[in-house]
Amino acid sequence: MTLAQRRRRKWNWSVCTVQGAVVMQGRESSRAAAKYRAERALFMLLLTAPYRSRLSA
């Protein structure tokens, strides 16, 4: 998960794989909002992970 400030008031966020491939990304007006969206995207990604179905069975 990365946060980067672009220009004055824009924050880019992204969720990447270990290899560096971007899985999800977005842009928010504040750092707090960007951090929240990135963490939410990571959480949603983990919820849909294929290994979850094997653990609950």
PDB file of N, CA and C in Angstrom:
ATOM      1  N   MET A   1       0.846  -1.158   0.000  1.00  0.00           N
ATOM      2  CA  MET A   1       0.000   0.000   0.000  1.00  0.00           C
ATOM      3  C   MET A   1       0.897   1.228   0.000  1.00  0.00           C
ATOM      4  N   THR A   2       0.629   2.159  -0.898  1.00  0.00           N
ATOM      5  CA  THR A   2       1.425   3.388  -0.961  1.00  0.00           C
ATOM      6  C   THR A   2       0.523   4.613  -1.000  1.00  0.00           C
ATOM      7  N   LEU A   3       1.023   5.693  -0.430  1.00  0.00           N
ATOM      8  CA  LEU A   3       0.380   6.999  -0.498  1.00  0.00           C
ATOM      9  C   LEU A   3       1.411   7.971  -1.049  1.00  0.00           C
ATOM     10  N   ALA A   4       1.013   8.795  -1.995  1.00  0.00           N
ATOM     11  CA  ALA A   4       1.927   9.777  -2.573  1.00  0.00           C
ATOM     12  C   ALA A   4       1.178  11.070  -2.839  1.00  0.00           C
ATOM     13  N   GLN A   5       1.780  12.179  -2.429  1.00  0.00           N
ATOM     14  CA  GLN A   5       1.146  13.469  -2.680  1.00  0.00           C
ATOM     15  C   GLN A   5       1.488  13.933  -4.079  1.00  0.00           C
ATOM     16  N   ARG A   6       0.462  14.309  -4.820  1.00  0.00           N
ATOM     17  CA  ARG A   6       0.630  14.830  -6.174  1.00  0.00           C
ATOM     18  C   ARG A   6       0.034  16.220  -6.209  1.00  0.00           C
ATOM     19  N   ARG A   7       0.794  17.140  -6.717  1.00  0.00           N
ATOM     20  CA  ARG A   7       0.380  18.548  -6.732  1.00  0.00           C
ATOM     21  C   ARG A   7       0.164  19.024  -5.314  1.00  0.00           C
ATOM     22  N   ARG A   8      -0.627  20.028  -5.126  1.00  0.00           N
ATOM     23  CA  ARG A   8      -0.783  20.572  -3.779  1.00  0.00           C
ATOM     24  C   ARG A   8      -1.787  19.827  -2.924  1.00  0.00           C
ATOM     25  N   ARG A   9      -2.932  19.536  -3.474  1.00  0.00           N
ATOM     26  CA  ARG A   9      -4.003  19.017  -2.635  1.00  0.00           C
ATOM     27  C   ARG A   9      -4.518  17.649  -3.060  1.00  0.00           C
ATOM     28  N   LYS A  10      -3.770  16.938  -3.835  1.00  0.00           N
ATOM     29  CA  LYS A  10      -4.218  15.621  -4.285  1.00  0.00           C
ATOM     30  C   LYS A  10      -3.283  14.541  -3.746  1.00  0.00           C
ATOM     31  N   TRP A  11      -3.879  13.465  -3.286  1.00  0.00           N
ATOM     32  CA  TRP A  11      -3.129  12.318  -2.783  1.00  0.00           C
ATOM     33  C   TRP A  11      -3.512  11.096  -3.605  1.00  0.00           C
ATOM     34  N   ASN A  12      -2.518  10.424  -4.166  1.00  0.00           N
ATOM     35  CA  ASN A  12      -2.734   9.172  -4.889  1.00  0.00           C
ATOM     36  C   ASN A  12      -2.475   8.018  -3.933  1.00  0.00           C
ATOM     37  N   TRP A  13      -3.302   6.996  -4.013  1.00  0.00           N
ATOM     38  CA  TRP A  13      -3.089   5.791  -3.231  1.00  0.00           C
ATOM     39  C   TRP A  13      -3.108   4.599  -4.167  1.00  0.00           C
ATOM     40  N   SER A  14      -2.414   3.545  -3.781  1.00  0.00           N
ATOM     41  CA  SER A  14      -2.431   2.320  -4.571  1.00  0.00           C
ATOM     42  C   SER A  14      -2.156   1.120  -3.684  1.00  0.00           C
ATOM     43  N   VAL A  15      -2.716   0.001  -4.075  1.00  0.00           N
ATOM     44  CA  VAL A  15      -2.469  -1.279  -3.436  1.00  0.00           C
ATOM     45  C   VAL A  15      -1.763  -2.123  -4.488  1.00  0.00           C
ATOM     46  N   CYS A  16      -0.577  -2.627  -4.151  1.00  0.00           N
ATOM     47  CA  CYS A  16       0.253  -3.347  -5.115  1.00  0.00           C
ATOM     48  C   CYS A  16       0.541  -4.768  -4.642  1.00  0.00           C
ATOM     49  N   THR A  17       0.909  -5.632  -5.590  1.00  0.00           N
ATOM     50  CA  THR A  17       1.360  -6.977  -5.259  1.00  0.00           C
ATOM     51  C   THR A  17       2.800  -6.901  -4.775  1.00  0.00           C
ATOM     52  N   VAL A  18       3.323  -8.015  -4.303  1.00  0.00           N
ATOM     53  CA  VAL A  18       4.716  -8.069  -3.856  1.00  0.00           C
ATOM     54  C   VAL A  18       5.662  -7.748  -5.007  1.00  0.00           C
ATOM     55  N   GLN A  19       5.276  -8.113  -6.221  1.00  0.00           N
ATOM     56  CA  GLN A  19       6.102  -7.851  -7.399  1.00  0.00           C
ATOM     57  C   GLN A  19       6.012  -6.396  -7.853  1.00  0.00           C
ATOM     58  N   GLY A  20       5.088  -5.635  -7.321  1.00  0.00           N
ATOM     59  CA  GLY A  20       4.965  -4.223  -7.670  1.00  0.00           C
ATOM     60  C   GLY A  20       3.852  -3.892  -8.645  1.00  0.00           C
ATOM     61  N   ALA A  21       3.074  -4.873  -9.052  1.00  0.00           N
ATOM     62  CA  ALA A  21       1.959  -4.622  -9.962  1.00  0.00           C
ATOM     63  C   ALA A  21       0.804  -3.966  -9.198  1.00  0.00           C
ATOM     64  N   VAL A  22       0.262  -2.907  -9.744  1.00  0.00           N
ATOM     65  CA  VAL A  22      -0.843  -2.184  -9.103  1.00  0.00           C
ATOM     66  C   VAL A  22      -2.127  -2.989  -9.269  1.00  0.00           C
ATOM     67  N   VAL A  23      -2.798  -3.250  -8.144  1.00  0.00           N
ATOM     68  CA  VAL A  23      -4.051  -3.987  -8.144  1.00  0.00           C
ATOM     69  C   VAL A  23      -5.233  -3.016  -8.083  1.00  0.00           C
ATOM     70  N   MET A  24      -5.128  -2.000  -7.225  1.00  0.00           N
ATOM     71  CA  MET A  24      -6.163  -0.973  -7.087  1.00  0.00           C
ATOM     72  C   MET A  24      -5.482   0.369  -6.877  1.00  0.00           C
ATOM     73  N   GLN A  25      -6.128   1.424  -7.350  1.00  0.00           N
ATOM     74  CA  GLN A  25      -5.558   2.756  -7.166  1.00  0.00           C
ATOM     75  C   GLN A  25      -6.658   3.803  -7.183  1.00  0.00           C
ATOM     76  N   GLY A  26      -6.328   4.991  -6.679  1.00  0.00           N
ATOM     77  CA  GLY A  26      -7.300   6.061  -6.658  1.00  0.00           C
ATOM     78  C   GLY A  26      -6.649   7.373  -6.274  1.00  0.00           C
ATOM     79  N   ARG A  27      -7.455   8.427  -6.205  1.00  0.00           N
ATOM     80  CA  ARG A  27      -6.983   9.765  -5.861  1.00  0.00           C
ATOM     81  C   ARG A  27      -7.994  10.413  -4.937  1.00  0.00           C
ATOM     82  N   GLU A  28      -7.495  11.016  -3.873  1.00  0.00           N
ATOM     83  CA  GLU A  28      -8.349  11.688  -2.893  1.00  0.00           C
ATOM     84  C   GLU A  28      -7.816  13.086  -2.625  1.00  0.00           C
ATOM     85  N   SER A  29      -8.658  13.906  -2.013  1.00  0.00           N
ATOM     86  CA  SER A  29      -8.268  15.288  -1.768  1.00  0.00           C
ATOM     87  C   SER A  29      -7.481  15.472  -0.470  1.00  0.00           C
ATOM     88  N   SER A  30      -7.555  14.521   0.455  1.00  0.00           N
ATOM     89  CA  SER A  30      -6.797  14.637   1.701  1.00  0.00           C
ATOM     90  C   SER A  30      -6.021  13.351   1.962  1.00  0.00           C
ATOM     91  N   ARG A  31      -4.969  13.480   2.767  1.00  0.00           N
ATOM     92  CA  ARG A  31      -4.156  12.313   3.092  1.00  0.00           C
ATOM     93  C   ARG A  31      -4.967  11.307   3.904  1.00  0.00           C
ATOM     94  N   ALA A  32      -5.758  11.778   4.837  1.00  0.00           N
ATOM     95  CA  ALA A  32      -6.575  10.888   5.658  1.00  0.00           C
ATOM     96  C   ALA A  32      -7.559  10.094   4.799  1.00  0.00           C
ATOM     97  N   ALA A  33      -8.179  10.756   3.842  1.00  0.00           N
ATOM     98  CA  ALA A  33      -9.122  10.068   2.953  1.00  0.00           C
ATOM     99  C   ALA A  33      -8.398   9.044   2.087  1.00  0.00           C
ATOM    100  N   ALA A  34      -7.228   9.394   1.599  1.00  0.00           N
ATOM    101  CA  ALA A  34      -6.451   8.458   0.774  1.00  0.00           C
ATOM    102  C   ALA A  34      -6.024   7.241   1.582  1.00  0.00           C
ATOM    103  N   LYS A  35      -5.603   7.464   2.811  1.00  0.00           N
ATOM    104  CA  LYS A  35      -5.204   6.349   3.678  1.00  0.00           C
ATOM    105  C   LYS A  35      -6.396   5.440   3.957  1.00  0.00           C
ATOM    106  N   TYR A  36      -7.555   6.034   4.238  1.00  0.00           N
ATOM    107  CA  TYR A  36      -8.765   5.264   4.496  1.00  0.00           C
ATOM    108  C   TYR A  36      -9.149   4.424   3.282  1.00  0.00           C
ATOM    109  N   ARG A  37      -9.143   5.034   2.104  1.00  0.00           N
ATOM    110  CA  ARG A  37      -9.525   4.310   0.883  1.00  0.00           C
ATOM    111  C   ARG A  37      -8.547   3.180   0.574  1.00  0.00           C
ATOM    112  N   ALA A  38      -7.259   3.427   0.772  1.00  0.00           N
ATOM    113  CA  ALA A  38      -6.256   2.390   0.510  1.00  0.00           C
ATOM    114  C   ALA A  38      -6.420   1.223   1.478  1.00  0.00           C
ATOM    115  N   GLU A  39      -6.632   1.525   2.751  1.00  0.00           N
ATOM    116  CA  GLU A  39      -6.825   0.459   3.730  1.00  0.00           C
ATOM    117  C   GLU A  39      -8.112  -0.308   3.465  1.00  0.00           C
ATOM    118  N   ARG A  40      -9.155   0.397   3.056  1.00  0.00           N
ATOM    119  CA  ARG A  40     -10.424  -0.263   2.733  1.00  0.00           C
ATOM    120  C   ARG A  40     -10.268  -1.178   1.509  1.00  0.00           C
ATOM    121  N   ALA A  41      -9.545  -0.702   0.501  1.00  0.00           N
ATOM    122  CA  ALA A  41      -9.312  -1.509  -0.698  1.00  0.00           C
ATOM    123  C   ALA A  41      -8.509  -2.763  -0.352  1.00  0.00           C
ATOM    124  N   LEU A  42      -7.498  -2.610   0.491  1.00  0.00           N
ATOM    125  CA  LEU A  42      -6.705  -3.771   0.902  1.00  0.00           C
ATOM    126  C   LEU A  42      -7.569  -4.763   1.670  1.00  0.00           C
ATOM    127  N   PHE A  43      -8.398  -4.278   2.566  1.00  0.00           N
ATOM    128  CA  PHE A  43      -9.288  -5.140   3.333  1.00  0.00           C
ATOM    129  C   PHE A  43     -10.252  -5.885   2.418  1.00  0.00           C
ATOM    130  N   MET A  44     -10.857  -5.179   1.466  1.00  0.00           N
ATOM    131  CA  MET A  44     -11.776  -5.826   0.530  1.00  0.00           C
ATOM    132  C   MET A  44     -11.067  -6.866  -0.326  1.00  0.00           C
ATOM    133  N   LEU A  45      -9.838  -6.572  -0.696  1.00  0.00           N
ATOM    134  CA  LEU A  45      -9.044  -7.527  -1.471  1.00  0.00           C
ATOM    135  C   LEU A  45      -8.778  -8.789  -0.659  1.00  0.00           C
ATOM    136  N   LEU A  46      -8.449  -8.619   0.605  1.00  0.00           N
ATOM    137  CA  LEU A  46      -8.206  -9.777   1.471  1.00  0.00           C
ATOM    138  C   LEU A  46      -9.474 -10.586   1.717  1.00  0.00           C
ATOM    139  N   LEU A  47     -10.618  -9.917   1.769  1.00  0.00           N
ATOM    140  CA  LEU A  47     -11.887 -10.628   1.956  1.00  0.00           C
ATOM    141  C   LEU A  47     -12.225 -11.537   0.781  1.00  0.00           C
ATOM    142  N   THR A  48     -11.790 -11.160  -0.406  1.00  0.00           N
ATOM    143  CA  THR A  48     -12.108 -11.947  -1.609  1.00  0.00           C
ATOM    144  C   THR A  48     -10.986 -12.904  -2.002  1.00  0.00           C
ATOM    145  N   ALA A  49      -9.990 -13.043  -1.144  1.00  0.00           N
ATOM    146  CA  ALA A  49      -8.856 -13.916  -1.460  1.00  0.00           C
ATOM    147  C   ALA A  49      -9.317 -15.371  -1.598  1.00  0.00           C
ATOM    148  N   PRO A  50      -8.744 -16.116  -2.548  1.00  0.00           N
ATOM    149  CA  PRO A  50      -9.184 -17.489  -2.787  1.00  0.00           C
ATOM    150  C   PRO A  50      -8.925 -18.426  -1.609  1.00  0.00           C
ATOM    151  N   TYR A  51      -7.914 -18.168  -0.789  1.00  0.00           N
ATOM    152  CA  TYR A  51      -7.624 -19.065   0.326  1.00  0.00           C
ATOM    153  C   TYR A  51      -8.692 -19.012   1.412  1.00  0.00           C
ATOM    154  N   ARG A  52      -9.484 -17.942   1.476  1.00  0.00           N
ATOM    155  CA  ARG A  52     -10.519 -17.826   2.513  1.00  0.00           C
ATOM    156  C   ARG A  52     -11.538 -18.946   2.428  1.00  0.00           C
ATOM    157  N   SER A  53     -11.927 -19.343   1.213  1.00  0.00           N
ATOM    158  CA  SER A  53     -12.949 -20.377   1.063  1.00  0.00           C
ATOM    159  C   SER A  53     -12.439 -21.732   1.556  1.00  0.00           C
ATOM    160  N   ARG A  54     -11.134 -21.956   1.454  1.00  0.00           N
ATOM    161  CA  ARG A  54     -10.569 -23.219   1.947  1.00  0.00           C
ATOM    162  C   ARG A  54     -10.501 -23.238   3.466  1.00  0.00           C
ATOM    163  N   LEU A  55     -10.280 -22.087   4.096  1.00  0.00           N
ATOM    164  CA  LEU A  55     -10.163 -22.038   5.555  1.00  0.00           C
ATOM    165  C   LEU A  55     -11.510 -22.222   6.255  1.00  0.00           C
ATOM    166  N   SER A  56     -12.566 -21.720   5.661  1.00  0.00           N
ATOM    167  CA  SER A  56     -13.865 -21.799   6.323  1.00  0.00           C
ATOM    168  C   SER A  56     -14.567 -23.142   6.125  1.00  0.00           C
ATOM    169  N   ALA A  57     -14.070 -23.974   5.243  1.00  0.00           N
ATOM    170  CA  ALA A  57     -14.718 -25.268   4.980  1.00  0.00           C
ATOM    171  C   ALA A  57     -14.352 -26.319   5.997  1.00  0.00           C
TER     172      ALA A  57
END
